[in-house]
Amino acid sequence: KSLLWQGWHERRRRRAFRLATGLQANGYPAAAHYRPLNPETLLFLDNRIDRALLATADEMEARGRHLLSGAPLRLIHSGRLEPMKGSQDLIPIARRLRDRGVDVTLEIFGQGSLEAQIRQGIADHGLQDRVRLMGTVDFATELVPYARQHGDIFLSCHRQSDPSCSYL
């Protein structure tokens, strides 16, 4: 059912892209996929990161020490908790990693229509010691500094044609 819906919408999208005067493709995958449909395709990379937001040498060193210490691998997810963003996959991924003996934590930043389902999934699968909902925080002053200091891997389950604003 979902595959049929996706196929129908993709055909409509392709038709619209062919007729458009130009197309802004958000990221490399979308540009590669849709450029053949419209010669006026502009590759766009959302880059809100400036040098001041990048991890420092000390932070990178601390992350390396953390990874070598045997401590849990720290996953971070940030985004709207919506089906089109793949948020419904976060708990199954955390559960499978735990079941396979991979020692991880997952901190989920954001809000959306799947928040209650994710919260229930954490409880139903006994993931309270591994998965935390962190809510919505400011990008530059809270999320980026937190990720630099407390994240080893950014987990993206994005269902659209590109990872949207997750480029760095």
C-alpha atoms as a PDB file:
ATOM      1  CA  LYS A   1       0.000   0.000   0.000  1.00  0.00           C
ATOM      2  CA  SER A   2       2.769   2.429   1.001  1.00  0.00           C
ATOM      3  CA  LEU A   3       4.809   1.459  -2.057  1.00  0.00           C
ATOM      4  CA  LEU A   4       1.863   2.267  -4.332  1.00  0.00           C
ATOM      5  CA  TRP A   5       1.371   5.619  -2.614  1.00  0.00           C
ATOM      6  CA  GLN A   6       5.074   6.422  -2.997  1.00  0.00           C
ATOM      7  CA  GLY A   7       5.085   5.425  -6.661  1.00  0.00           C
ATOM      8  CA  TRP A   8       2.045   7.559  -7.410  1.00  0.00           C
ATOM      9  CA  HIS A   9       3.562  10.599  -5.692  1.00  0.00           C
ATOM     10  CA  GLU A  10       6.936  10.072  -7.354  1.00  0.00           C
ATOM     11  CA  ARG A  11       5.291  10.087 -10.801  1.00  0.00           C
ATOM     12  CA  ARG A  12       3.492  13.345  -9.938  1.00  0.00           C
ATOM     13  CA  ARG A  13       6.711  14.840  -8.582  1.00  0.00           C
ATOM     14  CA  ARG A  14       8.684  13.891 -11.710  1.00  0.00           C
ATOM     15  CA  ARG A  15       6.016  15.384 -13.976  1.00  0.00           C
ATOM     16  CA  ALA A  16       6.087  18.650 -12.002  1.00  0.00           C
ATOM     17  CA  PHE A  17       9.902  18.755 -12.056  1.00  0.00           C
ATOM     18  CA  ARG A  18       9.943  18.321 -15.849  1.00  0.00           C
ATOM     19  CA  LEU A  19       7.524  21.248 -16.262  1.00  0.00           C
ATOM     20  CA  ALA A  20       9.258  23.566 -13.781  1.00  0.00           C
ATOM     21  CA  THR A  21      11.382  26.496 -14.912  1.00  0.00           C
ATOM     22  CA  GLY A  22      14.048  25.343 -12.462  1.00  0.00           C
ATOM     23  CA  LEU A  23      14.572  22.927  -9.604  1.00  0.00           C
ATOM     24  CA  GLN A  24      16.375  23.308  -6.288  1.00  0.00           C
ATOM     25  CA  ALA A  25      17.698  19.909  -5.210  1.00  0.00           C
ATOM     26  CA  ASN A  26      18.460  19.708  -1.508  1.00  0.00           C
ATOM     27  CA  GLY A  27      21.640  17.606  -1.391  1.00  0.00           C
ATOM     28  CA  TYR A  28      23.757  15.448  -3.660  1.00  0.00           C
ATOM     29  CA  PRO A  29      21.411  12.419  -3.846  1.00  0.00           C
ATOM     30  CA  ALA A  30      18.404  14.528  -4.900  1.00  0.00           C
ATOM     31  CA  ALA A  31      20.488  16.452  -7.445  1.00  0.00           C
ATOM     32  CA  ALA A  32      21.851  13.257  -9.000  1.00  0.00           C
ATOM     33  CA  HIS A  33      18.395  11.665  -9.087  1.00  0.00           C
ATOM     34  CA  TYR A  34      16.374  14.584 -10.455  1.00  0.00           C
ATOM     35  CA  ARG A  35      18.883  16.552 -12.578  1.00  0.00           C
ATOM     36  CA  PRO A  36      18.052  14.468 -15.711  1.00  0.00           C
ATOM     37  CA  LEU A  37      14.454  15.743 -15.459  1.00  0.00           C
ATOM     38  CA  ASN A  38      15.318  19.430 -15.467  1.00  0.00           C
ATOM     39  CA  PRO A  39      18.473  21.023 -16.939  1.00  0.00           C
ATOM     40  CA  GLU A  40      18.039  24.019 -14.608  1.00  0.00           C
ATOM     41  CA  THR A  41      18.667  22.023 -11.422  1.00  0.00           C
ATOM     42  CA  LEU A  42      20.501  23.851  -8.649  1.00  0.00           C
ATOM     43  CA  LEU A  43      22.356  21.794  -6.039  1.00  0.00           C
ATOM     44  CA  PHE A  44      21.659  23.255  -2.593  1.00  0.00           C
ATOM     45  CA  LEU A  45      23.454  22.328   0.616  1.00  0.00           C
ATOM     46  CA  ASP A  46      21.977  23.751   3.797  1.00  0.00           C
ATOM     47  CA  ASN A  47      25.082  24.620   5.747  1.00  0.00           C
ATOM     48  CA  ARG A  48      24.319  26.503   8.908  1.00  0.00           C
ATOM     49  CA  ILE A  49      27.605  25.361  10.405  1.00  0.00           C
ATOM     50  CA  ASP A  50      30.406  27.881  10.596  1.00  0.00           C
ATOM     51  CA  ARG A  51      33.890  27.346  11.996  1.00  0.00           C
ATOM     52  CA  ALA A  52      32.781  28.356  15.501  1.00  0.00           C
ATOM     53  CA  LEU A  53      30.356  25.394  15.614  1.00  0.00           C
ATOM     54  CA  LEU A  54      32.871  22.740  14.518  1.00  0.00           C
ATOM     55  CA  ALA A  55      34.348  20.362  17.082  1.00  0.00           C
ATOM     56  CA  THR A  56      37.600  21.527  18.605  1.00  0.00           C
ATOM     57  CA  ALA A  57      40.769  19.441  18.702  1.00  0.00           C
ATOM     58  CA  ASP A  58      40.205  18.866  22.434  1.00  0.00           C
ATOM     59  CA  GLU A  59      36.636  17.668  21.813  1.00  0.00           C
ATOM     60  CA  MET A  60      37.823  15.292  19.097  1.00  0.00           C
ATOM     61  CA  GLU A  61      40.518  13.951  21.405  1.00  0.00           C
ATOM     62  CA  ALA A  62      37.963  13.435  24.180  1.00  0.00           C
ATOM     63  CA  ARG A  63      35.667  11.604  21.747  1.00  0.00           C
ATOM     64  CA  GLY A  64      38.537   9.330  20.733  1.00  0.00           C
ATOM     65  CA  ARG A  65      39.307   8.533  24.371  1.00  0.00           C
ATOM     66  CA  HIS A  66      35.618   7.802  24.976  1.00  0.00           C
ATOM     67  CA  LEU A  67      35.445   5.432  21.998  1.00  0.00           C
ATOM     68  CA  LEU A  68      38.561   3.559  23.130  1.00  0.00           C
ATOM     69  CA  SER A  69      37.381   3.316  26.750  1.00  0.00           C
ATOM     70  CA  GLY A  70      34.809   0.604  26.100  1.00  0.00           C
ATOM     71  CA  ALA A  71      31.960   2.931  27.085  1.00  0.00           C
ATOM     72  CA  PRO A  72      28.676   2.682  25.136  1.00  0.00           C
ATOM     73  CA  LEU A  73      28.597   4.079  21.617  1.00  0.00           C
ATOM     74  CA  ARG A  74      26.606   7.329  21.769  1.00  0.00           C
ATOM     75  CA  LEU A  75      24.040   7.794  18.996  1.00  0.00           C
ATOM     76  CA  ILE A  76      22.235  11.082  18.484  1.00  0.00           C
ATOM     77  CA  HIS A  77      19.185  11.737  16.338  1.00  0.00           C
ATOM     78  CA  SER A  78      17.816  15.188  15.645  1.00  0.00           C
ATOM     79  CA  GLY A  79      14.768  16.119  13.624  1.00  0.00           C
ATOM     80  CA  ARG A  80      11.021  16.196  13.448  1.00  0.00           C
ATOM     81  CA  LEU A  81       9.566  12.979  14.808  1.00  0.00           C
ATOM     82  CA  GLU A  82       7.449  12.292  11.730  1.00  0.00           C
ATOM     83  CA  PRO A  83       6.921   9.240   9.481  1.00  0.00           C
ATOM     84  CA  MET A  84       8.456  10.911   6.414  1.00  0.00           C
ATOM     85  CA  LYS A  85      11.600  11.495   8.479  1.00  0.00           C
ATOM     86  CA  GLY A  86      11.828   7.794   9.372  1.00  0.00           C
ATOM     87  CA  SER A  87      11.445   8.385  13.109  1.00  0.00           C
ATOM     88  CA  GLN A  88       9.407   5.186  13.473  1.00  0.00           C
ATOM     89  CA  ASP A  89      12.670   3.282  12.852  1.00  0.00           C
ATOM     90  CA  LEU A  90      14.557   4.720  15.838  1.00  0.00           C
ATOM     91  CA  ILE A  91      13.229   2.323  18.485  1.00  0.00           C
ATOM     92  CA  PRO A  92      13.513  -0.826  16.305  1.00  0.00           C
ATOM     93  CA  ILE A  93      17.140   0.120  15.570  1.00  0.00           C
ATOM     94  CA  ALA A  94      17.921   0.656  19.265  1.00  0.00           C
ATOM     95  CA  ARG A  95      16.187  -2.624  20.136  1.00  0.00           C
ATOM     96  CA  ARG A  96      18.068  -4.605  17.477  1.00  0.00           C
ATOM     97  CA  LEU A  97      21.406  -3.168  18.523  1.00  0.00           C
ATOM     98  CA  ARG A  98      20.696  -4.085  22.154  1.00  0.00           C
ATOM     99  CA  ASP A  99      19.521  -7.568  21.178  1.00  0.00           C
ATOM    100  CA  ARG A 100      22.747  -8.109  19.225  1.00  0.00           C
ATOM    101  CA  GLY A 101      24.845  -7.102  22.203  1.00  0.00           C
ATOM    102  CA  VAL A 102      25.906  -3.696  20.894  1.00  0.00           C
ATOM    103  CA  ASP A 103      26.296  -1.334  23.839  1.00  0.00           C
ATOM    104  CA  VAL A 104      24.735   1.953  22.680  1.00  0.00           C
ATOM    105  CA  THR A 105      22.772   4.897  23.951  1.00  0.00           C
ATOM    106  CA  LEU A 106      20.431   6.924  21.762  1.00  0.00           C
ATOM    107  CA  GLU A 107      19.420  10.494  22.474  1.00  0.00           C
ATOM    108  CA  ILE A 108      16.543  11.750  20.343  1.00  0.00           C
ATOM    109  CA  PHE A 109      16.179  15.507  19.858  1.00  0.00           C
ATOM    110  CA  GLY A 110      12.954  16.869  18.382  1.00  0.00           C
ATOM    111  CA  GLN A 111       9.187  16.653  18.584  1.00  0.00           C
ATOM    112  CA  GLY A 112       6.411  15.497  16.321  1.00  0.00           C
ATOM    113  CA  SER A 113       3.441  13.232  15.770  1.00  0.00           C
ATOM    114  CA  LEU A 114       5.436  10.067  16.597  1.00  0.00           C
ATOM    115  CA  GLU A 115       6.688  11.295  19.968  1.00  0.00           C
ATOM    116  CA  ALA A 116       4.097   9.356  22.018  1.00  0.00           C
ATOM    117  CA  GLN A 117       4.685   6.199  19.949  1.00  0.00           C
ATOM    118  CA  ILE A 118       8.453   6.495  20.460  1.00  0.00           C
ATOM    119  CA  ARG A 119       7.996   7.096  24.201  1.00  0.00           C
ATOM    120  CA  GLN A 120       5.747   4.009  24.379  1.00  0.00           C
ATOM    121  CA  GLY A 121       8.273   1.970  22.374  1.00  0.00           C
ATOM    122  CA  ILE A 122      11.014   2.901  24.829  1.00  0.00           C
ATOM    123  CA  ALA A 123       8.852   1.598  27.696  1.00  0.00           C
ATOM    124  CA  ASP A 124       7.507  -1.475  25.867  1.00  0.00           C
ATOM    125  CA  HIS A 125      10.984  -2.690  24.922  1.00  0.00           C
ATOM    126  CA  GLY A 126      12.715  -1.821  28.189  1.00  0.00           C
ATOM    127  CA  LEU A 127      14.992   0.760  26.606  1.00  0.00           C
ATOM    128  CA  GLN A 128      14.734   3.402  29.351  1.00  0.00           C
ATOM    129  CA  ASP A 129      18.404   2.923  30.274  1.00  0.00           C
ATOM    130  CA  ARG A 130      19.511   3.367  26.633  1.00  0.00           C
ATOM    131  CA  VAL A 131      17.120   5.742  24.852  1.00  0.00           C
ATOM    132  CA  ARG A 132      16.107   9.239  25.944  1.00  0.00           C
ATOM    133  CA  LEU A 133      13.781  11.795  24.396  1.00  0.00           C
ATOM    134  CA  MET A 134      15.529  15.150  24.711  1.00  0.00           C
ATOM    135  CA  GLY A 135      12.842  17.462  23.300  1.00  0.00           C
ATOM    136  CA  THR A 136      13.483  20.433  21.062  1.00  0.00           C
ATOM    137  CA  VAL A 137      16.565  22.555  21.665  1.00  0.00           C
ATOM    138  CA  ASP A 138      18.196  25.503  19.921  1.00  0.00           C
ATOM    139  CA  PHE A 139      20.392  24.354  17.028  1.00  0.00           C
ATOM    140  CA  ALA A 140      23.475  26.555  17.466  1.00  0.00           C
ATOM    141  CA  THR A 141      23.561  27.068  21.227  1.00  0.00           C
ATOM    142  CA  GLU A 142      22.405  23.641  22.452  1.00  0.00           C
ATOM    143  CA  LEU A 143      22.178  20.864  19.842  1.00  0.00           C
ATOM    144  CA  VAL A 144      25.496  21.354  18.056  1.00  0.00           C
ATOM    145  CA  PRO A 145      27.588  21.819  21.220  1.00  0.00           C
ATOM    146  CA  TYR A 146      25.864  18.820  22.829  1.00  0.00           C
ATOM    147  CA  ALA A 147      26.455  16.625  19.775  1.00  0.00           C
ATOM    148  CA  ARG A 148      30.110  17.669  19.621  1.00  0.00           C
ATOM    149  CA  GLN A 149      30.673  16.643  23.227  1.00  0.00           C
ATOM    150  CA  HIS A 150      28.266  13.728  23.706  1.00  0.00           C
ATOM    151  CA  GLY A 151      27.733  12.107  20.310  1.00  0.00           C
ATOM    152  CA  ASP A 152      29.747   9.524  18.422  1.00  0.00           C
ATOM    153  CA  ILE A 153      27.341   8.863  15.534  1.00  0.00           C
ATOM    154  CA  PHE A 154      24.455  10.860  14.076  1.00  0.00           C
ATOM    155  CA  LEU A 155      21.637   8.412  13.318  1.00  0.00           C
ATOM    156  CA  SER A 156      19.429   9.411  10.387  1.00  0.00           C
ATOM    157  CA  CYS A 157      16.520   7.234   9.249  1.00  0.00           C
ATOM    158  CA  HIS A 158      15.389   9.719   6.606  1.00  0.00           C
ATOM    159  CA  ARG A 159      12.840   8.333   4.108  1.00  0.00           C
ATOM    160  CA  GLN A 160      12.962  11.148   1.578  1.00  0.00           C
ATOM    161  CA  SER A 161      15.299  11.255  -1.409  1.00  0.00           C
ATOM    162  CA  ASP A 162      18.045  12.988   0.540  1.00  0.00           C
ATOM    163  CA  PRO A 163      19.031  13.573   4.159  1.00  0.00           C
ATOM    164  CA  SER A 164      17.727  17.141   3.959  1.00  0.00           C
ATOM    165  CA  CYS A 165      19.506  19.455   6.388  1.00  0.00           C
ATOM    166  CA  SER A 166      21.834  16.834   7.863  1.00  0.00           C
ATOM    167  CA  TYR A 167      24.844  17.640   5.695  1.00  0.00           C
ATOM    168  CA  LEU A 168      28.112  18.620   7.277  1.00  0.00           C
END
